[in-house]
């Protein structure tokens, strides 16, 4: 008899914490206080950093994030905006299973 491991869907707050942890490793503004409302520009995150961030999040949560040049993330987008985008992908992935 085989069992399938059930992985709990992360909360938005958990995703924010994960994003902040990743950003602290790669951001030029690591001394800045990073929180949900912090704009990406204030976090020292450029477009290349966002791509790296998305790759790490995809690996962490086993999802594919629909991210391309037309994605509505701008330097004024916040960490929370990115977290909500990721949460949407996780929810779609879970609904498809």
N, C-alpha and C. Protein backbone atom coordinates (compact mmCIF):
# COMPACT_ATOMS: atom_id res chain seq x y z
N UNK A 1 0.85 -1.16 0.00
CA UNK A 1 0.00 0.00 0.00
C UNK A 1 0.90 1.23 0.00
N UNK A 2 0.72 2.09 -0.98
CA UNK A 2 1.54 3.31 -1.04
C UNK A 2 0.73 4.49 -0.54
N UNK A 3 1.45 5.43 0.02
CA UNK A 3 0.80 6.64 0.48
C UNK A 3 1.42 7.82 -0.24
N UNK A 4 0.60 8.80 -0.46
CA UNK A 4 1.07 10.02 -1.10
C UNK A 4 1.23 11.07 -0.04
N UNK A 5 2.39 11.69 -0.02
CA UNK A 5 2.64 12.74 0.95
C UNK A 5 1.80 13.96 0.60
N UNK A 6 1.14 14.50 1.58
CA UNK A 6 0.34 15.69 1.39
C UNK A 6 1.17 16.87 1.90
N UNK A 7 1.45 17.79 1.00
CA UNK A 7 2.22 18.96 1.37
C UNK A 7 1.24 20.10 1.59
N UNK A 8 1.33 20.72 2.74
CA UNK A 8 0.43 21.81 3.08
C UNK A 8 0.72 23.02 2.19
N UNK A 9 -0.32 23.64 1.72
CA UNK A 9 -0.17 24.86 0.93
C UNK A 9 0.32 25.97 1.85
N UNK A 10 1.40 26.65 1.45
CA UNK A 10 1.91 27.71 2.31
C UNK A 10 0.95 28.88 2.36
N UNK A 11 0.98 29.59 3.47
CA UNK A 11 0.16 30.80 3.59
C UNK A 11 0.88 31.95 2.90
N UNK A 12 0.17 33.02 2.67
CA UNK A 12 0.78 34.20 2.06
C UNK A 12 1.91 34.71 2.94
N UNK A 13 1.71 34.70 4.25
CA UNK A 13 2.76 35.16 5.17
C UNK A 13 4.01 34.29 5.07
N UNK A 14 3.82 32.99 4.92
CA UNK A 14 4.97 32.09 4.78
C UNK A 14 5.73 32.36 3.48
N UNK A 15 5.00 32.66 2.42
CA UNK A 15 5.64 32.98 1.15
C UNK A 15 6.42 34.29 1.27
N UNK A 16 5.84 35.28 1.94
CA UNK A 16 6.53 36.56 2.15
C UNK A 16 7.84 36.32 2.90
N UNK A 17 7.79 35.53 3.96
CA UNK A 17 9.00 35.23 4.74
C UNK A 17 10.05 34.56 3.85
N UNK A 18 9.62 33.61 3.04
CA UNK A 18 10.55 32.92 2.14
C UNK A 18 11.17 33.90 1.14
N UNK A 19 10.34 34.77 0.56
CA UNK A 19 10.85 35.76 -0.37
C UNK A 19 11.87 36.68 0.28
N UNK A 20 11.57 37.13 1.48
CA UNK A 20 12.49 38.01 2.20
C UNK A 20 13.81 37.29 2.48
N UNK A 21 13.74 36.04 2.88
CA UNK A 21 14.97 35.27 3.12
C UNK A 21 15.81 35.15 1.86
N UNK A 22 15.16 34.89 0.74
CA UNK A 22 15.88 34.79 -0.53
C UNK A 22 16.47 36.15 -0.91
N UNK A 23 15.68 37.20 -0.74
CA UNK A 23 16.14 38.55 -1.09
C UNK A 23 17.34 38.97 -0.26
N UNK A 24 17.34 38.61 1.00
CA UNK A 24 18.45 38.98 1.87
C UNK A 24 19.76 38.35 1.39
N UNK A 25 19.65 37.20 0.75
CA UNK A 25 20.85 36.53 0.23
C UNK A 25 21.37 37.19 -1.04
N UNK A 26 20.48 37.83 -1.81
CA UNK A 26 20.85 38.33 -3.12
C UNK A 26 20.70 39.84 -3.30
N UNK A 27 20.11 40.51 -2.36
CA UNK A 27 19.81 41.92 -2.52
C UNK A 27 21.02 42.81 -2.21
N UNK A 28 21.08 43.92 -2.91
CA UNK A 28 22.10 44.91 -2.61
C UNK A 28 21.72 45.74 -1.37
N UNK A 29 20.48 45.67 -0.96
CA UNK A 29 20.00 46.47 0.17
C UNK A 29 19.69 45.57 1.36
N UNK A 30 20.62 44.68 1.69
CA UNK A 30 20.36 43.71 2.75
C UNK A 30 20.20 44.36 4.11
N UNK A 31 20.71 45.59 4.28
CA UNK A 31 20.56 46.24 5.57
C UNK A 31 19.18 46.88 5.73
N UNK A 32 18.44 46.99 4.64
CA UNK A 32 17.10 47.56 4.70
C UNK A 32 16.15 46.58 5.38
N UNK A 33 15.16 47.14 6.08
CA UNK A 33 14.13 46.31 6.70
C UNK A 33 13.15 45.89 5.61
N UNK A 34 13.11 44.61 5.35
CA UNK A 34 12.24 44.11 4.30
C UNK A 34 10.96 43.58 4.92
N UNK A 35 9.83 44.00 4.35
CA UNK A 35 8.52 43.52 4.80
C UNK A 35 7.58 43.46 3.60
N UNK A 36 6.40 43.01 3.83
CA UNK A 36 5.42 42.77 2.76
C UNK A 36 5.21 44.02 1.89
N UNK A 37 5.20 45.19 2.51
CA UNK A 37 4.91 46.44 1.80
C UNK A 37 6.14 47.07 1.15
N UNK A 38 7.31 46.47 1.30
CA UNK A 38 8.53 47.04 0.75
C UNK A 38 8.53 46.93 -0.78
N UNK A 39 8.68 48.07 -1.48
CA UNK A 39 8.81 48.01 -2.94
C UNK A 39 10.08 47.27 -3.34
N UNK A 40 10.02 46.58 -4.46
CA UNK A 40 11.19 45.83 -4.92
C UNK A 40 12.40 46.73 -5.10
N UNK A 41 12.20 47.95 -5.59
CA UNK A 41 13.32 48.88 -5.77
C UNK A 41 13.99 49.20 -4.44
N UNK A 42 13.19 49.37 -3.40
CA UNK A 42 13.74 49.67 -2.07
C UNK A 42 14.45 48.46 -1.47
N UNK A 43 14.08 47.28 -1.93
CA UNK A 43 14.72 46.05 -1.45
C UNK A 43 16.01 45.77 -2.21
N UNK A 44 16.34 46.63 -3.19
CA UNK A 44 17.55 46.43 -3.97
C UNK A 44 17.42 45.33 -4.99
N UNK A 45 16.19 45.06 -5.42
CA UNK A 45 15.92 43.98 -6.36
C UNK A 45 15.71 44.57 -7.76
N UNK A 46 16.56 44.16 -8.69
CA UNK A 46 16.39 44.58 -10.08
C UNK A 46 15.72 43.47 -10.88
N UNK A 47 15.53 43.68 -12.18
CA UNK A 47 14.80 42.69 -12.99
C UNK A 47 15.53 41.35 -13.04
N UNK A 48 16.85 41.37 -13.06
CA UNK A 48 17.61 40.11 -13.04
C UNK A 48 17.37 39.38 -11.72
N UNK A 49 17.37 40.13 -10.61
CA UNK A 49 17.14 39.53 -9.30
C UNK A 49 15.75 38.89 -9.22
N UNK A 50 14.76 39.54 -9.85
CA UNK A 50 13.39 39.00 -9.85
C UNK A 50 13.37 37.64 -10.54
N UNK A 51 14.07 37.52 -11.66
CA UNK A 51 14.12 36.24 -12.38
C UNK A 51 14.76 35.17 -11.49
N UNK A 52 15.87 35.50 -10.85
CA UNK A 52 16.53 34.55 -9.95
C UNK A 52 15.60 34.17 -8.79
N UNK A 53 14.89 35.15 -8.27
CA UNK A 53 13.95 34.92 -7.18
C UNK A 53 12.85 33.95 -7.62
N UNK A 54 12.32 34.17 -8.81
CA UNK A 54 11.26 33.29 -9.34
C UNK A 54 11.78 31.86 -9.49
N UNK A 55 13.00 31.70 -10.02
CA UNK A 55 13.57 30.35 -10.16
C UNK A 55 13.66 29.66 -8.80
N UNK A 56 14.12 30.37 -7.80
CA UNK A 56 14.26 29.75 -6.47
C UNK A 56 12.90 29.39 -5.88
N UNK A 57 11.92 30.25 -6.09
CA UNK A 57 10.57 29.98 -5.57
C UNK A 57 9.97 28.77 -6.29
N UNK A 58 10.19 28.67 -7.60
CA UNK A 58 9.68 27.51 -8.34
C UNK A 58 10.27 26.22 -7.78
N UNK A 59 11.57 26.25 -7.52
CA UNK A 59 12.22 25.07 -6.94
C UNK A 59 11.68 24.77 -5.55
N UNK A 60 11.52 25.79 -4.74
CA UNK A 60 11.08 25.62 -3.34
C UNK A 60 9.68 24.99 -3.27
N UNK A 61 8.76 25.50 -4.10
CA UNK A 61 7.37 25.06 -4.01
C UNK A 61 6.96 24.07 -5.11
N UNK A 62 7.87 23.72 -6.02
CA UNK A 62 7.55 22.76 -7.06
C UNK A 62 6.46 23.23 -8.00
N UNK A 63 6.53 24.52 -8.35
CA UNK A 63 5.51 25.10 -9.23
C UNK A 63 6.19 25.75 -10.43
N UNK A 64 5.39 26.13 -11.40
CA UNK A 64 5.88 26.93 -12.52
C UNK A 64 5.18 28.28 -12.43
N UNK A 65 5.97 29.33 -12.29
CA UNK A 65 5.42 30.67 -12.19
C UNK A 65 5.35 31.25 -13.60
N UNK A 66 4.17 31.69 -13.98
CA UNK A 66 3.98 32.29 -15.30
C UNK A 66 4.55 33.70 -15.26
N UNK A 67 5.84 33.80 -15.55
CA UNK A 67 6.53 35.08 -15.45
C UNK A 67 7.26 35.34 -16.75
N UNK A 68 7.01 36.52 -17.33
CA UNK A 68 7.73 36.94 -18.53
C UNK A 68 7.80 38.46 -18.56
N UNK A 69 8.28 39.01 -19.63
CA UNK A 69 8.46 40.46 -19.73
C UNK A 69 7.14 41.22 -19.61
N UNK A 70 6.04 40.56 -19.87
CA UNK A 70 4.74 41.23 -19.80
C UNK A 70 4.10 41.14 -18.41
N UNK A 71 4.76 40.47 -17.49
CA UNK A 71 4.24 40.39 -16.13
C UNK A 71 4.23 41.79 -15.54
N UNK A 72 3.21 42.09 -14.80
CA UNK A 72 3.03 43.45 -14.30
C UNK A 72 3.83 43.78 -13.06
N UNK A 73 5.03 43.23 -12.91
CA UNK A 73 5.88 43.60 -11.80
C UNK A 73 6.77 44.76 -12.23
N UNK A 74 6.78 45.79 -11.42
CA UNK A 74 7.59 46.97 -11.68
C UNK A 74 8.44 47.23 -10.45
N UNK A 75 9.39 48.17 -10.54
CA UNK A 75 10.17 48.49 -9.34
C UNK A 75 9.32 48.96 -8.16
N UNK A 76 8.11 49.49 -8.45
CA UNK A 76 7.24 49.92 -7.36
C UNK A 76 6.37 48.78 -6.83
N UNK A 77 6.40 47.62 -7.50
CA UNK A 77 5.70 46.44 -6.97
C UNK A 77 6.34 46.07 -5.64
N UNK A 78 5.56 45.50 -4.76
CA UNK A 78 6.04 45.17 -3.43
C UNK A 78 6.36 43.68 -3.30
N UNK A 79 7.02 43.35 -2.22
CA UNK A 79 7.28 41.95 -1.91
C UNK A 79 5.94 41.21 -1.80
N UNK A 80 4.95 41.87 -1.24
CA UNK A 80 3.61 41.28 -1.13
C UNK A 80 2.99 41.01 -2.49
N UNK A 81 3.23 41.89 -3.47
CA UNK A 81 2.72 41.67 -4.82
C UNK A 81 3.31 40.39 -5.41
N UNK A 82 4.60 40.20 -5.23
CA UNK A 82 5.26 38.99 -5.72
C UNK A 82 4.70 37.76 -5.00
N UNK A 83 4.52 37.88 -3.68
CA UNK A 83 3.99 36.76 -2.89
C UNK A 83 2.59 36.38 -3.36
N UNK A 84 1.76 37.37 -3.67
CA UNK A 84 0.40 37.09 -4.15
C UNK A 84 0.44 36.40 -5.52
N UNK A 85 1.37 36.82 -6.38
CA UNK A 85 1.52 36.18 -7.68
C UNK A 85 1.90 34.71 -7.50
N UNK A 86 2.81 34.45 -6.57
CA UNK A 86 3.24 33.08 -6.30
C UNK A 86 2.10 32.27 -5.69
N UNK A 87 1.36 32.87 -4.77
CA UNK A 87 0.24 32.19 -4.13
C UNK A 87 -0.80 31.78 -5.18
N UNK A 88 -1.06 32.65 -6.14
CA UNK A 88 -1.99 32.34 -7.22
C UNK A 88 -1.51 31.13 -8.01
N UNK A 89 -0.21 31.08 -8.31
CA UNK A 89 0.35 29.93 -9.04
C UNK A 89 0.22 28.64 -8.23
N UNK A 90 0.48 28.72 -6.94
CA UNK A 90 0.36 27.54 -6.08
C UNK A 90 -1.08 27.06 -6.05
N UNK A 91 -2.03 27.99 -5.92
CA UNK A 91 -3.44 27.62 -5.87
C UNK A 91 -3.88 26.98 -7.20
N UNK A 92 -3.42 27.54 -8.32
CA UNK A 92 -3.77 26.96 -9.63
C UNK A 92 -3.18 25.57 -9.77
N UNK A 93 -1.94 25.41 -9.31
CA UNK A 93 -1.28 24.10 -9.39
C UNK A 93 -2.01 23.08 -8.53
N UNK A 94 -2.43 23.46 -7.34
CA UNK A 94 -3.15 22.54 -6.45
C UNK A 94 -4.52 22.19 -7.03
N UNK A 95 -5.17 23.16 -7.65
CA UNK A 95 -6.49 22.90 -8.22
C UNK A 95 -6.41 21.96 -9.42
N UNK A 96 -5.27 22.00 -10.12
CA UNK A 96 -5.10 21.16 -11.30
C UNK A 96 -4.81 19.70 -10.95
N UNK A 97 -4.43 19.45 -9.70
CA UNK A 97 -4.06 18.09 -9.31
C UNK A 97 -5.25 17.30 -8.85
